[in-house]
Amino acid sequence: MELTPKLMELTPKVMEITPKAWEIEIFFSVSLIHRGEKA
């Protein structure tokens, strides 16, 4: 099984990317809410 080591390599990268994706998602949600309040 060569798949397992590849997964072990990919997992830390995914863990790095995920928090950034959350930050971006939260940022867009907040800015949309602010725009809605101003309108």
Protein backbone atom coordinates (compact mmCIF):
# COMPACT_ATOMS: atom_id res chain seq x y z
CA MET A 1 0.00 0.00 0.00
CA GLU A 2 1.65 3.19 -1.21
CA LEU A 3 -1.42 5.29 -0.50
CA THR A 4 -0.93 5.52 3.28
CA PRO A 5 2.41 7.43 3.25
CA LYS A 6 0.96 9.83 0.67
CA LEU A 7 -2.02 10.48 2.94
CA MET A 8 0.32 11.05 5.88
CA GLU A 9 2.13 13.68 3.79
CA LEU A 10 -1.05 15.37 2.61
CA THR A 11 -2.79 15.57 5.98
CA PRO A 12 -0.50 18.27 7.51
CA LYS A 13 -0.88 20.35 4.34
CA VAL A 14 -4.67 20.11 4.57
CA MET A 15 -4.48 21.06 8.25
CA GLU A 16 -2.49 24.16 7.27
CA ILE A 17 -4.89 25.18 4.49
CA THR A 18 -8.12 24.59 6.44
CA PRO A 19 -7.70 27.36 9.08
CA LYS A 20 -6.93 29.85 6.30
CA ALA A 21 -10.07 28.80 4.44
CA TRP A 22 -12.07 29.35 7.63
CA GLU A 23 -10.52 32.80 8.10
CA ILE A 24 -11.43 33.78 4.53
CA GLU A 25 -14.96 32.41 4.90
CA ILE A 26 -15.51 34.28 8.17
CA PHE A 27 -14.06 37.47 6.68
CA PHE A 28 -16.44 37.32 3.70
CA SER A 29 -19.42 36.55 5.95
CA VAL A 30 -18.60 39.52 8.19
CA SER A 31 -18.09 41.91 5.28
CA LEU A 32 -21.37 40.76 3.69
CA ILE A 33 -23.20 41.36 6.99
CA HIS A 34 -21.66 44.83 7.27
CA ARG A 35 -22.68 45.64 3.70
CA GLY A 36 -26.22 44.48 4.47
CA GLU A 37 -26.36 46.77 7.51
CA LYS A 38 -25.14 49.79 5.54
CA ALA A 39 -27.58 49.25 2.66
